[in-house]
């Protein structure tokens, strides 16, 4: 029987946010290995791991349960927070 995707367009934000989550886990792990006092703090863990993980979960739910037209709209909406988050990753403009 298997899993049926209802919105293939949601796979794009799913791949993006999954990769960013893995990158965030690696970054937080690297800072943690340095054993600097106070780092990583809770806000950094939420910013680098929690937010991308939440958006990846939302993209997965969109791919599995949203219809074709609604899935396209939600996939676009799930890409918008990337602009905000990547300004933080890169230091802005």
N, C-alpha and C. Protein backbone atom coordinates (compact mmCIF):
# COMPACT_ATOMS: atom_id res chain seq x y z
N UNK A 1 0.83 -1.18 0.00
CA UNK A 1 0.00 0.00 0.00
C UNK A 1 0.88 1.25 0.00
N UNK A 2 1.68 1.48 1.00
CA UNK A 2 2.64 2.58 1.01
C UNK A 2 2.04 3.92 1.37
N UNK A 3 2.89 4.92 1.33
CA UNK A 3 2.50 6.28 1.65
C UNK A 3 2.19 7.01 0.35
N UNK A 4 1.06 7.70 0.33
CA UNK A 4 0.69 8.45 -0.86
C UNK A 4 0.87 9.94 -0.61
N UNK A 5 1.66 10.58 -1.46
CA UNK A 5 1.85 12.02 -1.37
C UNK A 5 0.69 12.70 -2.07
N UNK A 6 0.10 13.66 -1.40
CA UNK A 6 -1.00 14.40 -2.01
C UNK A 6 -0.51 15.70 -2.63
N UNK A 7 0.66 16.20 -2.20
CA UNK A 7 1.19 17.43 -2.76
C UNK A 7 2.69 17.28 -2.98
N UNK A 8 3.08 17.07 -4.21
CA UNK A 8 4.50 16.90 -4.52
C UNK A 8 5.27 18.21 -4.40
N UNK A 9 4.59 19.32 -4.57
CA UNK A 9 5.28 20.61 -4.48
C UNK A 9 5.77 20.89 -3.06
N UNK A 10 5.20 20.24 -2.07
CA UNK A 10 5.65 20.42 -0.69
C UNK A 10 6.96 19.68 -0.41
N UNK A 11 7.43 18.88 -1.36
CA UNK A 11 8.70 18.20 -1.16
C UNK A 11 9.88 19.17 -1.23
N UNK A 12 9.71 20.28 -1.92
CA UNK A 12 10.79 21.28 -2.01
C UNK A 12 11.06 21.90 -0.64
N UNK A 13 10.04 22.47 0.04
CA UNK A 13 10.33 23.00 1.38
C UNK A 13 10.69 21.90 2.37
N UNK A 14 10.19 20.69 2.17
CA UNK A 14 10.56 19.59 3.06
C UNK A 14 12.05 19.29 2.95
N UNK A 15 12.57 19.24 1.73
CA UNK A 15 14.00 18.99 1.54
C UNK A 15 14.83 20.15 2.09
N UNK A 16 14.39 21.37 1.83
CA UNK A 16 15.12 22.54 2.31
C UNK A 16 15.18 22.57 3.83
N UNK A 17 14.05 22.45 4.49
CA UNK A 17 14.01 22.57 5.95
C UNK A 17 14.63 21.37 6.63
N UNK A 18 14.57 20.21 6.01
CA UNK A 18 15.26 19.05 6.58
C UNK A 18 16.77 19.25 6.54
N UNK A 19 17.27 19.77 5.43
CA UNK A 19 18.71 20.03 5.31
C UNK A 19 19.15 21.12 6.29
N UNK A 20 18.35 22.15 6.46
CA UNK A 20 18.69 23.22 7.40
C UNK A 20 18.66 22.69 8.83
N UNK A 21 17.74 21.79 9.14
CA UNK A 21 17.69 21.19 10.47
C UNK A 21 18.95 20.37 10.74
N UNK A 22 19.36 19.58 9.78
CA UNK A 22 20.58 18.78 9.94
C UNK A 22 21.79 19.71 10.10
N UNK A 23 21.84 20.77 9.32
CA UNK A 23 22.92 21.75 9.44
C UNK A 23 22.91 22.40 10.82
N UNK A 24 21.73 22.74 11.32
CA UNK A 24 21.61 23.34 12.64
C UNK A 24 22.06 22.41 13.74
N UNK A 25 21.72 21.14 13.63
CA UNK A 25 22.17 20.15 14.63
C UNK A 25 23.69 20.06 14.61
N UNK A 26 24.28 20.08 13.43
CA UNK A 26 25.74 20.03 13.33
C UNK A 26 26.38 21.28 13.92
N UNK A 27 25.80 22.44 13.66
CA UNK A 27 26.34 23.69 14.20
C UNK A 27 26.25 23.72 15.72
N UNK A 28 25.11 23.34 16.26
CA UNK A 28 24.94 23.33 17.72
C UNK A 28 25.86 22.30 18.34
N UNK A 29 26.03 21.16 17.69
CA UNK A 29 26.95 20.14 18.20
C UNK A 29 28.40 20.62 18.18
N UNK A 30 28.77 21.36 17.15
CA UNK A 30 30.13 21.89 17.07
C UNK A 30 30.41 22.91 18.16
N UNK A 31 29.45 23.76 18.45
CA UNK A 31 29.61 24.74 19.52
C UNK A 31 29.64 24.04 20.87
N UNK A 32 28.81 23.03 21.01
CA UNK A 32 28.77 22.27 22.27
C UNK A 32 30.09 21.55 22.53
N UNK A 33 30.71 21.04 21.48
CA UNK A 33 31.99 20.33 21.63
C UNK A 33 33.13 21.26 22.08
N UNK A 34 33.01 22.55 21.81
CA UNK A 34 34.04 23.50 22.21
C UNK A 34 33.97 23.82 23.71
N UNK A 35 32.88 23.47 24.34
CA UNK A 35 32.66 23.64 25.78
C UNK A 35 32.84 25.08 26.24
N UNK A 36 32.40 26.01 25.43
CA UNK A 36 32.42 27.42 25.83
C UNK A 36 31.30 27.66 26.82
N UNK A 37 31.57 28.35 27.92
CA UNK A 37 30.54 28.56 28.92
C UNK A 37 29.37 29.39 28.37
N UNK A 38 28.18 28.88 28.57
CA UNK A 38 26.97 29.57 28.14
C UNK A 38 26.55 29.34 26.70
N UNK A 39 27.32 28.56 25.96
CA UNK A 39 26.98 28.29 24.56
C UNK A 39 26.87 26.81 24.33
N UNK A 40 25.98 26.31 23.55
CA UNK A 40 24.86 27.02 22.94
C UNK A 40 23.77 27.26 23.98
N UNK A 41 23.17 28.42 23.93
CA UNK A 41 22.07 28.69 24.85
C UNK A 41 20.76 28.25 24.21
N UNK A 42 19.70 28.31 24.98
CA UNK A 42 18.41 27.79 24.52
C UNK A 42 17.91 28.54 23.27
N UNK A 43 18.12 29.84 23.22
CA UNK A 43 17.66 30.61 22.07
C UNK A 43 18.37 30.16 20.79
N UNK A 44 19.64 29.85 20.87
CA UNK A 44 20.37 29.38 19.70
C UNK A 44 19.87 28.01 19.25
N UNK A 45 19.60 27.14 20.19
CA UNK A 45 19.10 25.81 19.84
C UNK A 45 17.73 25.92 19.17
N UNK A 46 16.88 26.79 19.69
CA UNK A 46 15.56 26.98 19.08
C UNK A 46 15.71 27.56 17.68
N UNK A 47 16.60 28.54 17.51
CA UNK A 47 16.77 29.21 16.22
C UNK A 47 17.36 28.29 15.16
N UNK A 48 18.36 27.51 15.54
CA UNK A 48 19.07 26.69 14.56
C UNK A 48 18.50 25.29 14.38
N UNK A 49 17.77 24.79 15.37
CA UNK A 49 17.23 23.42 15.28
C UNK A 49 15.71 23.41 15.36
N UNK A 50 15.15 24.11 16.33
CA UNK A 50 13.71 24.05 16.57
C UNK A 50 12.86 24.61 15.45
N UNK A 51 13.19 25.82 15.00
CA UNK A 51 12.39 26.46 13.94
C UNK A 51 12.47 25.68 12.63
N UNK A 52 13.67 25.33 12.16
CA UNK A 52 13.71 24.53 10.92
C UNK A 52 13.04 23.16 11.07
N UNK A 53 13.17 22.55 12.24
CA UNK A 53 12.51 21.26 12.47
C UNK A 53 10.99 21.39 12.43
N UNK A 54 10.47 22.46 13.01
CA UNK A 54 9.03 22.71 12.98
C UNK A 54 8.55 22.93 11.55
N UNK A 55 9.30 23.70 10.78
CA UNK A 55 8.92 23.95 9.39
C UNK A 55 9.05 22.69 8.52
N UNK A 56 10.03 21.84 8.81
CA UNK A 56 10.14 20.57 8.09
C UNK A 56 8.95 19.68 8.41
N UNK A 57 8.53 19.68 9.67
CA UNK A 57 7.35 18.89 10.05
C UNK A 57 6.10 19.41 9.36
N UNK A 58 5.96 20.74 9.29
CA UNK A 58 4.81 21.33 8.61
C UNK A 58 4.83 20.98 7.12
N UNK A 59 6.00 20.97 6.51
CA UNK A 59 6.11 20.62 5.09
C UNK A 59 5.76 19.14 4.87
N UNK A 60 6.16 18.29 5.79
CA UNK A 60 5.82 16.87 5.68
C UNK A 60 4.32 16.68 5.78
N UNK A 61 3.69 17.35 6.74
CA UNK A 61 2.24 17.25 6.87
C UNK A 61 1.54 17.81 5.63
N UNK A 62 2.08 18.86 5.06
CA UNK A 62 1.52 19.43 3.83
C UNK A 62 1.62 18.43 2.69
N UNK A 63 2.77 17.77 2.57
CA UNK A 63 2.96 16.80 1.49
C UNK A 63 2.02 15.61 1.63
N UNK A 64 1.73 15.23 2.86
CA UNK A 64 0.91 14.05 3.07
C UNK A 64 -0.59 14.33 3.05
N UNK A 65 -1.00 15.51 3.51
CA UNK A 65 -2.43 15.72 3.73
C UNK A 65 -3.06 16.85 2.93
N UNK A 66 -2.29 17.78 2.41
CA UNK A 66 -2.89 18.90 1.67
C UNK A 66 -3.21 18.46 0.24
N UNK A 67 -4.24 19.03 -0.30
CA UNK A 67 -4.60 18.75 -1.69
C UNK A 67 -3.61 19.39 -2.64
N UNK A 68 -3.84 19.19 -3.93
CA UNK A 68 -2.89 19.68 -4.93
C UNK A 68 -2.78 21.20 -4.93
N UNK A 69 -3.91 21.90 -5.02
CA UNK A 69 -3.86 23.37 -5.08
C UNK A 69 -3.47 23.97 -3.74
N UNK A 70 -4.04 23.48 -2.67
CA UNK A 70 -3.69 23.98 -1.34
C UNK A 70 -2.25 23.66 -0.99
N UNK A 71 -1.76 22.54 -1.47
CA UNK A 71 -0.38 22.15 -1.22
C UNK A 71 0.60 23.09 -1.88
N UNK A 72 0.27 23.56 -3.06
CA UNK A 72 1.15 24.53 -3.74
C UNK A 72 1.23 25.83 -2.96
N UNK A 73 0.09 26.29 -2.50
CA UNK A 73 0.06 27.53 -1.73
C UNK A 73 0.83 27.36 -0.42
N UNK A 74 0.58 26.28 0.29
CA UNK A 74 1.29 26.05 1.55
C UNK A 74 2.78 25.84 1.33
N UNK A 75 3.16 25.21 0.24
CA UNK A 75 4.58 25.02 -0.05
C UNK A 75 5.26 26.37 -0.26
N UNK A 76 4.59 27.29 -0.95
CA UNK A 76 5.14 28.62 -1.13
C UNK A 76 5.24 29.35 0.20
N UNK A 77 4.20 29.25 1.01
CA UNK A 77 4.19 29.91 2.32
C UNK A 77 5.31 29.34 3.21
N UNK A 78 5.58 28.05 3.10
CA UNK A 78 6.64 27.44 3.91
C UNK A 78 8.04 27.86 3.45
N UNK A 79 8.17 28.37 2.25
CA UNK A 79 9.46 28.86 1.78
C UNK A 79 9.76 30.28 2.25
N UNK A 80 8.73 31.05 2.56
CA UNK A 80 8.92 32.45 2.96
C UNK A 80 9.73 32.62 4.24
N UNK A 81 9.54 31.80 5.29
CA UNK A 81 10.38 31.98 6.48
C UNK A 81 11.86 31.76 6.21
N UNK A 82 12.18 31.13 5.10
CA UNK A 82 13.58 30.94 4.74
C UNK A 82 14.31 32.25 4.53
N UNK A 83 13.61 33.22 3.97
CA UNK A 83 14.23 34.53 3.77
C UNK A 83 14.62 35.15 5.11
N UNK A 84 13.73 35.07 6.08
CA UNK A 84 14.00 35.64 7.40
C UNK A 84 15.11 34.86 8.10
N UNK A 85 15.02 33.54 8.07
CA UNK A 85 16.00 32.72 8.78
C UNK A 85 17.38 32.83 8.15
N UNK A 86 17.45 32.89 6.83
CA UNK A 86 18.76 32.95 6.18
C UNK A 86 19.43 34.30 6.36
N UNK A 87 18.67 35.36 6.60
CA UNK A 87 19.30 36.63 6.95
C UNK A 87 20.04 36.49 8.28
N UNK A 88 19.48 35.72 9.20
CA UNK A 88 20.14 35.48 10.47
C UNK A 88 21.38 34.60 10.32
N UNK A 89 21.29 33.57 9.47
CA UNK A 89 22.41 32.68 9.24
C UNK A 89 23.59 33.41 8.59
N UNK A 90 23.27 34.34 7.68
CA UNK A 90 24.33 34.97 6.90
C UNK A 90 24.71 36.36 7.40
N UNK A 91 24.02 36.87 8.38
CA UNK A 91 24.34 38.19 8.92
C UNK A 91 23.61 39.33 8.23
N UNK A 92 22.60 39.02 7.42
CA UNK A 92 21.81 40.07 6.79
C UNK A 92 22.36 40.48 5.45
N UNK A 93 21.94 41.63 5.02
CA UNK A 93 22.31 42.12 3.69
C UNK A 93 23.62 42.88 3.78
